[in-house]
Amino acid sequence: GKVQVIDIGIPKAAQESVKLELLTTRWVRANLPARPDDANKGTFGKVLVVGGSRRYIGAVQLAATAAYRAGAGLVTVAAPEPVIDRIAGALAEATWLPQRAGEDGALPGETAKSLRNEWPTFRAAVVGPGMGDTPETRALIWAALPDLADLECGAVIDADALNTLSSMADASERVPANAVLTPHPGELARLLQTTVADVQA
């Protein structure tokens, strides 16, 4: 039950060039904010996760679980009803905004309209995991981008929402200033209109 750090013979010069640190209980207590004794789930913010499709069922589950592990008080998932039916048992603490499934079991473009009044009730959002790269996804993201600017803590734009941005001529003007983009090398190459090899270099 104990972690012990021992010397295994790595030269000091090599250690100094590696930027890492061991996260211990003591480090966490010193660096994470204290949680008040009278706190409740509303004290720690609400996150909306928008995504999912028949092909990528687990993506919104992973994003919602990560939001909880990062400290969110309440996580709500807006996904196609068949996706929610499959993952609800694994996310007992989440709440749900079931949406009609469109083509390929993904969220249709009209979802942007049904979520318009929901965005202001959340502090942050994750948009894109598991949506699929479809015309409906592109319509949804294009319509929802202005609404993301209303989020107090911003939005994480991920996965197929990034692929939508790469196809938009005015993406740099439409992405809210408080958005965080999380591309893997292929998505970043599409966003920058370059190659994966260039990104990796």
N, C-alpha and C. Protein backbone atom coordinates (compact mmCIF):
# COMPACT_ATOMS: atom_id res chain seq x y z
N GLY A 1 0.79 -1.23 0.00
CA GLY A 1 0.00 0.00 0.00
C GLY A 1 0.81 1.26 0.00
N LYS A 2 2.13 1.16 -0.09
CA LYS A 2 2.96 2.36 -0.08
C LYS A 2 3.71 2.50 -1.40
N VAL A 3 3.91 3.75 -1.82
CA VAL A 3 4.74 4.03 -3.00
C VAL A 3 6.09 4.48 -2.48
N GLN A 4 7.13 3.81 -2.93
CA GLN A 4 8.47 4.17 -2.49
C GLN A 4 9.30 4.55 -3.71
N VAL A 5 9.92 5.73 -3.68
CA VAL A 5 10.76 6.18 -4.78
C VAL A 5 12.20 5.81 -4.46
N ILE A 6 12.82 5.02 -5.34
CA ILE A 6 14.19 4.60 -5.10
C ILE A 6 15.06 4.95 -6.30
N ASP A 7 16.34 5.04 -6.07
CA ASP A 7 17.30 5.33 -7.13
C ASP A 7 17.57 4.05 -7.92
N ILE A 8 17.36 4.10 -9.25
CA ILE A 8 17.64 2.92 -10.07
C ILE A 8 18.82 3.18 -11.02
N GLY A 9 19.59 4.25 -10.72
CA GLY A 9 20.82 4.48 -11.47
C GLY A 9 20.71 5.40 -12.67
N ILE A 10 19.62 6.15 -12.79
CA ILE A 10 19.49 7.10 -13.90
C ILE A 10 20.41 8.28 -13.62
N PRO A 11 21.24 8.69 -14.59
CA PRO A 11 22.17 9.80 -14.36
C PRO A 11 21.43 11.09 -14.00
N LYS A 12 22.01 11.88 -13.11
CA LYS A 12 21.39 13.13 -12.65
C LYS A 12 21.07 14.05 -13.83
N ALA A 13 21.96 14.17 -14.82
CA ALA A 13 21.74 15.06 -15.96
C ALA A 13 20.49 14.65 -16.73
N ALA A 14 20.27 13.34 -16.87
CA ALA A 14 19.09 12.86 -17.58
C ALA A 14 17.82 13.18 -16.80
N GLN A 15 17.89 13.05 -15.47
CA GLN A 15 16.73 13.35 -14.64
C GLN A 15 16.33 14.82 -14.72
N GLU A 16 17.33 15.69 -14.77
CA GLU A 16 17.05 17.13 -14.77
C GLU A 16 16.37 17.58 -16.05
N SER A 17 16.57 16.85 -17.15
CA SER A 17 15.97 17.25 -18.42
C SER A 17 14.53 16.75 -18.59
N VAL A 18 14.09 15.87 -17.70
CA VAL A 18 12.73 15.34 -17.78
C VAL A 18 11.83 16.14 -16.86
N LYS A 19 10.77 16.71 -17.42
CA LYS A 19 9.85 17.54 -16.65
C LYS A 19 8.71 16.66 -16.13
N LEU A 20 8.86 16.15 -14.93
CA LEU A 20 7.79 15.38 -14.32
C LEU A 20 7.85 15.54 -12.82
N GLU A 21 6.74 15.20 -12.18
CA GLU A 21 6.73 15.20 -10.73
C GLU A 21 5.81 14.09 -10.26
N LEU A 22 6.06 13.58 -9.07
CA LEU A 22 5.24 12.54 -8.49
C LEU A 22 4.09 13.19 -7.74
N LEU A 23 2.87 12.83 -8.11
CA LEU A 23 1.70 13.39 -7.43
C LEU A 23 1.40 12.54 -6.20
N THR A 24 1.56 13.14 -5.04
CA THR A 24 1.31 12.44 -3.79
C THR A 24 0.08 13.03 -3.12
N THR A 25 -0.39 12.38 -2.08
CA THR A 25 -1.51 12.90 -1.31
C THR A 25 -1.17 14.27 -0.76
N ARG A 26 0.06 14.45 -0.29
CA ARG A 26 0.49 15.74 0.25
C ARG A 26 0.42 16.83 -0.83
N TRP A 27 0.88 16.50 -2.06
CA TRP A 27 0.83 17.48 -3.16
C TRP A 27 -0.62 17.86 -3.46
N VAL A 28 -1.49 16.86 -3.51
CA VAL A 28 -2.89 17.12 -3.83
C VAL A 28 -3.52 18.03 -2.78
N ARG A 29 -3.28 17.73 -1.50
CA ARG A 29 -3.85 18.56 -0.43
C ARG A 29 -3.37 19.99 -0.52
N ALA A 30 -2.11 20.19 -0.92
CA ALA A 30 -1.54 21.53 -0.99
C ALA A 30 -2.01 22.32 -2.21
N ASN A 31 -2.37 21.62 -3.28
CA ASN A 31 -2.64 22.30 -4.54
C ASN A 31 -4.10 22.35 -4.98
N LEU A 32 -4.93 21.43 -4.50
CA LEU A 32 -6.34 21.47 -4.87
C LEU A 32 -7.10 22.32 -3.85
N PRO A 33 -8.09 23.08 -4.32
CA PRO A 33 -8.85 23.91 -3.38
C PRO A 33 -9.65 23.03 -2.42
N ALA A 34 -9.77 23.50 -1.20
CA ALA A 34 -10.56 22.77 -0.20
C ALA A 34 -12.04 22.81 -0.57
N ARG A 35 -12.75 21.76 -0.26
CA ARG A 35 -14.18 21.72 -0.51
C ARG A 35 -14.90 22.04 0.79
N PRO A 36 -15.76 23.05 0.77
CA PRO A 36 -16.46 23.44 2.01
C PRO A 36 -17.32 22.31 2.56
N ASP A 37 -17.45 22.28 3.89
CA ASP A 37 -18.25 21.24 4.54
C ASP A 37 -19.73 21.32 4.17
N ASP A 38 -20.21 22.54 3.85
CA ASP A 38 -21.62 22.70 3.53
C ASP A 38 -21.89 22.66 2.01
N ALA A 39 -20.93 22.14 1.25
CA ALA A 39 -21.06 22.11 -0.21
C ALA A 39 -22.06 21.05 -0.66
N ASN A 40 -22.57 21.24 -1.87
CA ASN A 40 -23.39 20.23 -2.52
C ASN A 40 -22.98 20.18 -3.98
N LYS A 41 -23.60 19.32 -4.76
CA LYS A 41 -23.16 19.17 -6.15
C LYS A 41 -23.26 20.46 -6.96
N GLY A 42 -24.22 21.32 -6.61
CA GLY A 42 -24.34 22.59 -7.32
C GLY A 42 -23.21 23.54 -7.05
N THR A 43 -22.49 23.34 -5.95
CA THR A 43 -21.37 24.21 -5.59
C THR A 43 -20.23 24.09 -6.59
N PHE A 44 -20.08 22.95 -7.21
CA PHE A 44 -18.89 22.66 -8.01
C PHE A 44 -19.11 22.70 -9.51
N GLY A 45 -20.24 23.26 -9.92
CA GLY A 45 -20.43 23.51 -11.34
C GLY A 45 -21.09 22.39 -12.10
N LYS A 46 -21.76 22.80 -13.18
CA LYS A 46 -22.47 21.88 -14.04
C LYS A 46 -21.79 21.83 -15.41
N VAL A 47 -21.63 20.62 -15.92
CA VAL A 47 -21.00 20.40 -17.23
C VAL A 47 -22.00 19.69 -18.14
N LEU A 48 -22.11 20.16 -19.36
CA LEU A 48 -22.95 19.51 -20.37
C LEU A 48 -22.04 18.81 -21.38
N VAL A 49 -22.28 17.53 -21.60
CA VAL A 49 -21.53 16.75 -22.60
C VAL A 49 -22.48 16.48 -23.76
N VAL A 50 -22.10 16.93 -24.97
CA VAL A 50 -22.94 16.77 -26.15
C VAL A 50 -22.22 15.90 -27.17
N GLY A 51 -22.82 14.78 -27.52
CA GLY A 51 -22.18 13.91 -28.51
C GLY A 51 -22.87 12.56 -28.58
N GLY A 52 -22.11 11.59 -29.07
CA GLY A 52 -22.61 10.23 -29.17
C GLY A 52 -23.29 9.92 -30.49
N SER A 53 -23.19 8.67 -30.87
CA SER A 53 -23.87 8.15 -32.07
C SER A 53 -23.88 6.63 -31.96
N ARG A 54 -24.59 6.01 -32.87
CA ARG A 54 -24.67 4.54 -32.86
C ARG A 54 -23.29 3.91 -32.98
N ARG A 55 -22.41 4.54 -33.73
CA ARG A 55 -21.08 3.97 -33.98
C ARG A 55 -20.10 4.20 -32.83
N TYR A 56 -20.27 5.32 -32.12
CA TYR A 56 -19.32 5.68 -31.05
C TYR A 56 -20.06 5.88 -29.73
N ILE A 57 -20.58 4.81 -29.18
CA ILE A 57 -21.43 4.87 -27.99
C ILE A 57 -20.64 5.28 -26.75
N GLY A 58 -19.42 4.80 -26.61
CA GLY A 58 -18.69 5.03 -25.37
C GLY A 58 -18.05 6.40 -25.22
N ALA A 59 -17.98 7.18 -26.28
CA ALA A 59 -17.25 8.44 -26.23
C ALA A 59 -17.85 9.43 -25.22
N VAL A 60 -19.16 9.58 -25.19
CA VAL A 60 -19.77 10.51 -24.24
C VAL A 60 -19.66 9.97 -22.81
N GLN A 61 -19.68 8.65 -22.67
CA GLN A 61 -19.50 8.07 -21.34
C GLN A 61 -18.11 8.41 -20.80
N LEU A 62 -17.09 8.29 -21.65
CA LEU A 62 -15.73 8.64 -21.22
C LEU A 62 -15.62 10.11 -20.85
N ALA A 63 -16.22 10.98 -21.67
CA ALA A 63 -16.14 12.42 -21.39
C ALA A 63 -16.87 12.78 -20.10
N ALA A 64 -18.04 12.19 -19.88
CA ALA A 64 -18.80 12.48 -18.67
C ALA A 64 -18.07 11.96 -17.43
N THR A 65 -17.49 10.78 -17.52
CA THR A 65 -16.72 10.23 -16.40
C THR A 65 -15.52 11.13 -16.08
N ALA A 66 -14.86 11.61 -17.12
CA ALA A 66 -13.70 12.50 -16.92
C ALA A 66 -14.13 13.80 -16.26
N ALA A 67 -15.30 14.33 -16.64
CA ALA A 67 -15.78 15.57 -16.02
C ALA A 67 -16.01 15.37 -14.52
N TYR A 68 -16.58 14.24 -14.16
CA TYR A 68 -16.77 13.95 -12.73
C TYR A 68 -15.42 13.80 -12.03
N ARG A 69 -14.50 13.08 -12.64
CA ARG A 69 -13.19 12.88 -12.00
C ARG A 69 -12.41 14.18 -11.86
N ALA A 70 -12.68 15.13 -12.75
CA ALA A 70 -12.01 16.43 -12.66
C ALA A 70 -12.64 17.34 -11.62
N GLY A 71 -13.78 16.93 -11.05
CA GLY A 71 -14.36 17.69 -9.96
C GLY A 71 -15.69 18.35 -10.21
N ALA A 72 -16.30 18.13 -11.38
CA ALA A 72 -17.61 18.73 -11.65
C ALA A 72 -18.64 18.18 -10.65
N GLY A 73 -19.57 19.04 -10.26
CA GLY A 73 -20.59 18.62 -9.32
C GLY A 73 -21.74 17.88 -9.97
N LEU A 74 -22.11 18.30 -11.18
CA LEU A 74 -23.22 17.68 -11.89
C LEU A 74 -22.88 17.62 -13.38
N VAL A 75 -23.00 16.46 -13.96
CA VAL A 75 -22.73 16.27 -15.38
C VAL A 75 -24.02 15.82 -16.06
N THR A 76 -24.38 16.51 -17.14
CA THR A 76 -25.55 16.16 -17.92
C THR A 76 -25.10 15.76 -19.32
N VAL A 77 -25.67 14.71 -19.85
CA VAL A 77 -25.31 14.21 -21.18
C VAL A 77 -26.48 14.44 -22.13
N ALA A 78 -26.20 15.15 -23.23
CA ALA A 78 -27.16 15.31 -24.32
C ALA A 78 -26.68 14.40 -25.45
N ALA A 79 -27.42 13.34 -25.70
CA ALA A 79 -27.02 12.34 -26.69
C ALA A 79 -28.28 11.72 -27.28
N PRO A 80 -28.13 11.00 -28.41
CA PRO A 80 -29.29 10.30 -28.96
C PRO A 80 -29.86 9.31 -27.94
N GLU A 81 -31.16 9.18 -27.91
CA GLU A 81 -31.81 8.29 -26.92
C GLU A 81 -31.23 6.88 -26.91
N PRO A 82 -30.97 6.25 -28.08
CA PRO A 82 -30.42 4.89 -28.03
C PRO A 82 -29.04 4.83 -27.35
N VAL A 83 -28.25 5.89 -27.47
CA VAL A 83 -26.94 5.93 -26.81
C VAL A 83 -27.14 6.02 -25.30
N ILE A 84 -28.04 6.90 -24.87
CA ILE A 84 -28.32 7.04 -23.44
C ILE A 84 -28.80 5.72 -22.85
N ASP A 85 -29.67 5.03 -23.58
CA ASP A 85 -30.16 3.73 -23.10
C ASP A 85 -29.02 2.76 -22.85
N ARG A 86 -27.97 2.83 -23.67
CA ARG A 86 -26.85 1.88 -23.55
C ARG A 86 -25.88 2.25 -22.43
N ILE A 87 -25.70 3.54 -22.12
CA ILE A 87 -24.65 3.94 -21.17
C ILE A 87 -25.18 4.38 -19.81
N ALA A 88 -26.48 4.55 -19.67
CA ALA A 88 -27.03 5.11 -18.42
C ALA A 88 -26.64 4.27 -17.20
N GLY A 89 -26.59 2.98 -17.33
CA GLY A 89 -26.24 2.13 -16.19
C GLY A 89 -24.82 2.34 -15.70
N ALA A 90 -23.94 2.81 -16.57
CA ALA A 90 -22.54 3.02 -16.19
C ALA A 90 -22.29 4.43 -15.65
N LEU A 91 -23.30 5.30 -15.72
CA LEU A 91 -23.16 6.68 -15.24
C LEU A 91 -24.33 7.00 -14.31
N ALA A 92 -24.35 6.35 -13.18
CA ALA A 92 -25.49 6.47 -12.28
C ALA A 92 -25.71 7.89 -11.78
N GLU A 93 -24.62 8.70 -11.69
CA GLU A 93 -24.78 10.04 -11.13
C GLU A 93 -25.14 11.10 -12.15
N ALA A 94 -25.06 10.78 -13.42
CA ALA A 94 -25.33 11.78 -14.47
C ALA A 94 -26.82 12.03 -14.62
N THR A 95 -27.14 13.19 -15.22
CA THR A 95 -28.50 13.46 -15.66
C THR A 95 -28.49 13.49 -17.18
N TRP A 96 -29.68 13.50 -17.79
CA TRP A 96 -29.76 13.23 -19.22
C TRP A 96 -30.65 14.24 -19.93
N LEU A 97 -30.25 14.58 -21.14
CA LEU A 97 -31.08 15.35 -22.07
C LEU A 97 -31.21 14.50 -23.33
N PRO A 98 -32.12 13.53 -23.33
CA PRO A 98 -32.25 12.65 -24.49
C PRO A 98 -32.65 13.43 -25.74
N GLN A 99 -32.00 13.09 -26.85
CA GLN A 99 -32.26 13.76 -28.13
C GLN A 99 -32.70 12.73 -29.16
N ARG A 100 -33.44 13.19 -30.14
CA ARG A 100 -33.84 12.32 -31.24
C ARG A 100 -32.60 11.90 -32.03
N ALA A 101 -32.53 10.65 -32.42
CA ALA A 101 -31.42 10.17 -33.25
C ALA A 101 -31.71 10.48 -34.70
N GLY A 102 -30.71 11.02 -35.39
CA GLY A 102 -30.83 11.30 -36.81
C GLY A 102 -30.19 10.20 -37.63
N GLU A 103 -29.65 10.58 -38.78
CA GLU A 103 -28.97 9.62 -39.65
C GLU A 103 -27.81 8.97 -38.93
N ASP A 104 -27.58 7.70 -39.20
CA ASP A 104 -26.48 6.95 -38.60
C ASP A 104 -26.55 6.94 -37.07
N GLY A 105 -27.73 7.18 -36.52
CA GLY A 105 -27.87 7.16 -35.07
C GLY A 105 -27.16 8.29 -34.38
N ALA A 106 -26.84 9.36 -35.11
CA ALA A 106 -26.14 10.51 -34.55
C ALA A 106 -27.12 11.64 -34.24
N LEU A 107 -26.61 12.70 -33.64
CA LEU A 107 -27.44 13.87 -33.34
C LEU A 107 -27.74 14.64 -34.61
N PRO A 108 -29.00 14.95 -34.88
CA PRO A 108 -29.32 15.75 -36.07
C PRO A 108 -29.00 17.22 -35.84
N GLY A 109 -28.92 17.97 -36.92
CA GLY A 109 -28.61 19.40 -36.84
C GLY A 109 -29.59 20.17 -35.98
N GLU A 110 -30.84 19.74 -35.95
CA GLU A 110 -31.86 20.46 -35.19
C GLU A 110 -31.61 20.40 -33.67
N THR A 111 -30.68 19.54 -33.24
CA THR A 111 -30.34 19.47 -31.82
C THR A 111 -29.85 20.82 -31.32
N ALA A 112 -29.18 21.58 -32.18
CA ALA A 112 -28.68 22.90 -31.78
C ALA A 112 -29.81 23.78 -31.28
N LYS A 113 -30.95 23.68 -31.94
CA LYS A 113 -32.11 24.48 -31.54
C LYS A 113 -32.67 24.00 -30.21
N SER A 114 -32.75 22.68 -30.02
CA SER A 114 -33.32 22.16 -28.77
C SER A 114 -32.42 22.43 -27.57
N LEU A 115 -31.12 22.65 -27.81
CA LEU A 115 -30.19 22.93 -26.71
C LEU A 115 -30.01 24.43 -26.44
N ARG A 116 -30.58 25.26 -27.30
CA ARG A 116 -30.34 26.71 -27.20
C ARG A 116 -30.62 27.27 -25.81
N ASN A 117 -31.69 26.83 -25.17
CA ASN A 117 -32.03 27.34 -23.84
C ASN A 117 -31.29 26.62 -22.72
N GLU A 118 -30.59 25.54 -23.05
CA GLU A 118 -29.88 24.76 -22.04
C GLU A 118 -28.49 25.31 -21.73
N TRP A 119 -27.78 25.80 -22.75
CA TRP A 119 -26.39 26.23 -22.56
C TRP A 119 -26.20 27.19 -21.38
N PRO A 120 -27.05 28.21 -21.23
CA PRO A 120 -26.81 29.17 -20.14
C PRO A 120 -26.94 28.57 -18.74
N THR A 121 -27.51 27.38 -18.62
CA THR A 121 -27.67 26.77 -17.30
C THR A 121 -26.45 25.96 -16.88
N PHE A 122 -25.42 25.91 -17.75
CA PHE A 122 -24.21 25.15 -17.46
C PHE A 122 -23.01 26.08 -17.39
N ARG A 123 -22.00 25.71 -16.58
CA ARG A 123 -20.77 26.51 -16.50
C ARG A 123 -19.80 26.14 -17.61
N ALA A 124 -19.83 24.89 -18.05
CA ALA A 124 -18.88 24.42 -19.06
C ALA A 124 -19.52 23.31 -19.88
N ALA A 125 -18.90 23.00 -21.01
CA ALA A 125 -19.43 21.93 -21.87
C ALA A 125 -18.30 21.22 -22.59
N VAL A 126 -18.59 19.99 -22.98
CA VAL A 126 -17.72 19.22 -23.87
C VAL A 126 -18.58 18.91 -25.09
N VAL A 127 -18.11 19.27 -26.27
CA VAL A 127 -18.91 19.11 -27.48
C VAL A 127 -18.11 18.33 -28.52
N GLY A 128 -18.70 17.24 -29.02
CA GLY A 128 -18.09 16.54 -30.13
C GLY A 128 -17.78 15.08 -29.96
N PRO A 129 -17.57 14.56 -28.72
CA PRO A 129 -17.15 13.16 -28.63
C PRO A 129 -18.18 12.20 -29.19
N GLY A 130 -17.73 11.37 -30.11
CA GLY A 130 -18.58 10.32 -30.65
C GLY A 130 -19.70 10.75 -31.58
N MET A 131 -19.66 12.00 -32.06
CA MET A 131 -20.76 12.47 -32.90
C MET A 131 -20.77 11.82 -34.29
N GLY A 132 -19.61 11.51 -34.80
CA GLY A 132 -19.51 11.05 -36.18
C GLY A 132 -19.34 12.24 -37.11
N ASP A 133 -18.62 12.04 -38.19
CA ASP A 133 -18.34 13.12 -39.14
C ASP A 133 -19.39 13.07 -40.25
N THR A 134 -20.53 13.72 -40.01
CA THR A 134 -21.66 13.67 -40.95
C THR A 134 -22.13 15.08 -41.26
N PRO A 135 -22.92 15.25 -42.32
CA PRO A 135 -23.49 16.58 -42.60
C PRO A 135 -24.34 17.09 -41.44
N GLU A 136 -25.05 16.18 -40.74
CA GLU A 136 -25.85 16.59 -39.59
C GLU A 136 -24.97 17.14 -38.47
N THR A 137 -23.86 16.48 -38.22
CA THR A 137 -22.92 16.96 -37.20
C THR A 137 -22.43 18.35 -37.56
N ARG A 138 -22.08 18.53 -38.83
CA ARG A 138 -21.57 19.85 -39.26
C ARG A 138 -22.63 20.93 -39.08
N ALA A 139 -23.89 20.61 -39.37
CA ALA A 139 -24.96 21.57 -39.19
C ALA A 139 -25.15 21.91 -37.72
N LEU A 140 -25.09 20.90 -36.86
CA LEU A 140 -25.27 21.11 -35.42
C LEU A 140 -24.16 22.00 -34.87
N ILE A 141 -22.91 21.67 -35.18
CA ILE A 141 -21.78 22.43 -34.63
C ILE A 141 -21.81 23.87 -35.16
N TRP A 142 -22.06 24.05 -36.43
CA TRP A 142 -22.10 25.39 -37.00
C TRP A 142 -23.14 26.24 -36.26
N ALA A 143 -24.31 25.67 -36.00
CA ALA A 143 -25.39 26.42 -35.34
C ALA A 143 -25.12 26.63 -33.85
N ALA A 144 -24.42 25.69 -33.20
CA ALA A 144 -24.23 25.76 -31.75
C ALA A 144 -23.05 26.64 -31.34
N LEU A 145 -22.09 26.88 -32.22
CA LEU A 145 -20.88 27.62 -31.83
C LEU A 145 -21.17 28.96 -31.16
N PRO A 146 -22.07 29.80 -31.67
CA PRO A 146 -22.32 31.07 -31.00
C PRO A 146 -22.87 30.89 -29.57
N ASP A 147 -23.62 29.82 -29.34
CA ASP A 147 -24.19 29.58 -28.01
C ASP A 147 -23.11 29.21 -26.99
N LEU A 148 -22.01 28.62 -27.45
CA LEU A 148 -20.95 28.21 -26.53
C LEU A 148 -20.29 29.40 -25.86
N ALA A 149 -20.37 30.56 -26.49
CA ALA A 149 -19.76 31.76 -25.91
C ALA A 149 -20.42 32.16 -24.60
N ASP A 150 -21.65 31.67 -24.34
CA ASP A 150 -22.38 32.02 -23.12
C ASP A 150 -21.93 31.22 -21.91
N LEU A 151 -21.12 30.20 -22.11
CA LEU A 151 -20.68 29.35 -21.00
C LEU A 151 -19.64 30.09 -20.16
N GLU A 152 -19.87 30.15 -18.86
CA GLU A 152 -18.98 30.89 -17.95
C GLU A 152 -17.54 30.39 -18.01
N CYS A 153 -17.36 29.08 -18.03
CA CYS A 153 -16.01 28.51 -18.02
C CYS A 153 -15.55 28.00 -19.38
N GLY A 154 -16.37 28.18 -20.40
CA GLY A 154 -15.96 27.80 -21.75
C GLY A 154 -16.35 26.38 -22.12
N ALA A 155 -15.94 26.00 -23.33
CA ALA A 155 -16.28 24.69 -23.87
C ALA A 155 -15.04 23.98 -24.37
N VAL A 156 -15.01 22.69 -24.18
CA VAL A 156 -13.99 21.84 -24.79
C VAL A 156 -14.58 21.35 -26.10
N ILE A 157 -13.90 21.64 -27.21
CA ILE A 157 -14.36 21.21 -28.54
C ILE A 157 -13.46 20.05 -28.95
N ASP A 158 -14.08 18.90 -29.19
CA ASP A 158 -13.34 17.66 -29.30
C ASP A 158 -13.80 16.85 -30.51
N ALA A 159 -12.97 15.94 -30.93
CA ALA A 159 -13.34 14.88 -31.88
C ALA A 159 -14.01 15.40 -33.15
N ASP A 160 -15.22 14.92 -33.45
CA ASP A 160 -15.85 15.27 -34.72
C ASP A 160 -16.28 16.73 -34.79
N ALA A 161 -16.40 17.40 -33.65
CA ALA A 161 -16.64 18.85 -33.70
C ALA A 161 -15.42 19.55 -34.28
N LEU A 162 -14.23 19.01 -34.03
CA LEU A 162 -13.00 19.57 -34.61
C LEU A 162 -12.97 19.34 -36.11
N ASN A 163 -13.43 18.17 -36.54
CA ASN A 163 -13.48 17.91 -37.98
C ASN A 163 -14.42 18.87 -38.67
N THR A 164 -15.50 19.25 -37.99
CA THR A 164 -16.41 20.25 -38.54
C THR A 164 -15.69 21.59 -38.68
N LEU A 165 -14.94 21.99 -37.65
CA LEU A 165 -14.20 23.26 -37.72
C LEU A 165 -13.25 23.28 -38.90
N SER A 166 -12.61 22.14 -39.17
CA SER A 166 -11.63 22.10 -40.27
C SER A 166 -12.29 22.29 -41.63
N SER A 167 -13.61 22.07 -41.70
CA SER A 167 -14.32 22.23 -42.98
C SER A 167 -14.98 23.61 -43.10
N MET A 168 -14.86 24.45 -42.07
CA MET A 168 -15.52 25.76 -42.07
C MET A 168 -14.52 26.86 -42.43
N ALA A 169 -14.84 27.63 -43.46
CA ALA A 169 -13.96 28.73 -43.87
C ALA A 169 -13.86 29.81 -42.80
N ASP A 170 -14.92 29.99 -42.00
CA ASP A 170 -14.93 31.06 -41.00
C ASP A 170 -14.79 30.53 -39.57
N ALA A 171 -14.17 29.35 -39.43
CA ALA A 171 -14.06 28.73 -38.10
C ALA A 171 -13.37 29.63 -37.09
N SER A 172 -12.29 30.30 -37.49
CA SER A 172 -11.54 31.11 -36.52
C SER A 172 -12.37 32.26 -35.98
N GLU A 173 -13.33 32.74 -36.77
CA GLU A 173 -14.21 33.81 -36.28
C GLU A 173 -15.36 33.26 -35.44
N ARG A 174 -15.77 32.03 -35.70
CA ARG A 174 -16.95 31.49 -35.02
C ARG A 174 -16.63 30.77 -33.71
N VAL A 175 -15.40 30.31 -33.54
CA VAL A 175 -15.05 29.61 -32.30
C VAL A 175 -14.95 30.62 -31.16
N PRO A 176 -15.67 30.40 -30.06
CA PRO A 176 -15.61 31.36 -28.95
C PRO A 176 -14.21 31.46 -28.36
N ALA A 177 -13.90 32.62 -27.84
CA ALA A 177 -12.56 32.86 -27.28
C ALA A 177 -12.27 31.97 -26.08
N ASN A 178 -13.31 31.53 -25.38
CA ASN A 178 -13.10 30.72 -24.19
C ASN A 178 -13.14 29.21 -24.48
N ALA A 179 -13.02 28.83 -25.75
CA ALA A 179 -13.04 27.41 -26.12
C ALA A 179 -11.64 26.81 -26.01
N VAL A 180 -11.62 25.53 -25.68
CA VAL A 180 -10.37 24.75 -25.65
C VAL A 180 -10.50 23.67 -26.71
N LEU A 181 -9.56 23.60 -27.64
CA LEU A 181 -9.57 22.58 -28.70
C LEU A 181 -8.64 21.44 -28.29
N THR A 182 -9.08 20.20 -28.50
CA THR A 182 -8.29 19.04 -28.06
C THR A 182 -8.02 18.07 -29.21
N PRO A 183 -7.32 18.51 -30.25
CA PRO A 183 -7.11 17.63 -31.41
C PRO A 183 -6.01 16.59 -31.19
N HIS A 184 -6.22 15.40 -31.72
CA HIS A 184 -5.12 14.45 -31.88
C HIS A 184 -4.38 14.85 -33.17
N PRO A 185 -3.24 14.24 -33.49
CA PRO A 185 -2.46 14.70 -34.65
C PRO A 185 -3.23 14.75 -35.97
N GLY A 186 -4.10 13.78 -36.22
CA GLY A 186 -4.87 13.80 -37.46
C GLY A 186 -5.84 14.97 -37.51
N GLU A 187 -6.51 15.22 -36.40
CA GLU A 187 -7.45 16.35 -36.34
C GLU A 187 -6.72 17.68 -36.45
N LEU A 188 -5.56 17.77 -35.81
CA LEU A 188 -4.79 19.02 -35.89
C LEU A 188 -4.29 19.25 -37.31
N ALA A 189 -3.89 18.19 -37.99
CA ALA A 189 -3.45 18.32 -39.38
C ALA A 189 -4.59 18.85 -40.25
N ARG A 190 -5.80 18.36 -40.02
CA ARG A 190 -6.94 18.87 -40.79
C ARG A 190 -7.22 20.34 -40.46
N LEU A 191 -7.14 20.70 -39.17
CA LEU A 191 -7.39 22.08 -38.76
C LEU A 191 -6.38 23.05 -39.39
N LEU A 192 -5.12 22.61 -39.45
CA LEU A 192 -4.05 23.47 -39.96
C LEU A 192 -3.81 23.27 -41.46
N GLN A 193 -4.59 22.37 -42.07
CA GLN A 193 -4.44 22.05 -43.49
C GLN A 193 -3.00 21.68 -43.83
N THR A 194 -2.49 20.73 -43.06
CA THR A 194 -1.15 20.24 -43.28
C THR A 194 -1.17 18.72 -43.13
N THR A 195 -0.03 18.11 -42.92
CA THR A 195 0.05 16.66 -42.81
C THR A 195 0.31 16.25 -41.36
N VAL A 196 -0.03 15.01 -41.06
CA VAL A 196 0.24 14.47 -39.72
C VAL A 196 1.75 14.48 -39.46
N ALA A 197 2.54 14.20 -40.48
CA ALA A 197 3.99 14.20 -40.31
C ALA A 197 4.49 15.59 -39.89
N ASP A 198 3.92 16.63 -40.47
CA ASP A 198 4.30 18.00 -40.08
C ASP A 198 3.90 18.28 -38.64
N VAL A 199 2.72 17.82 -38.25
CA VAL A 199 2.26 18.04 -36.87
C VAL A 199 3.20 17.31 -35.90
N GLN A 200 3.53 16.06 -36.21
CA GLN A 200 4.38 15.29 -35.32
C GLN A 200 5.79 15.87 -35.22
N ALA A 201 6.22 16.54 -36.30
CA ALA A 201 7.56 17.14 -36.28
C ALA A 201 7.59 18.40 -35.42
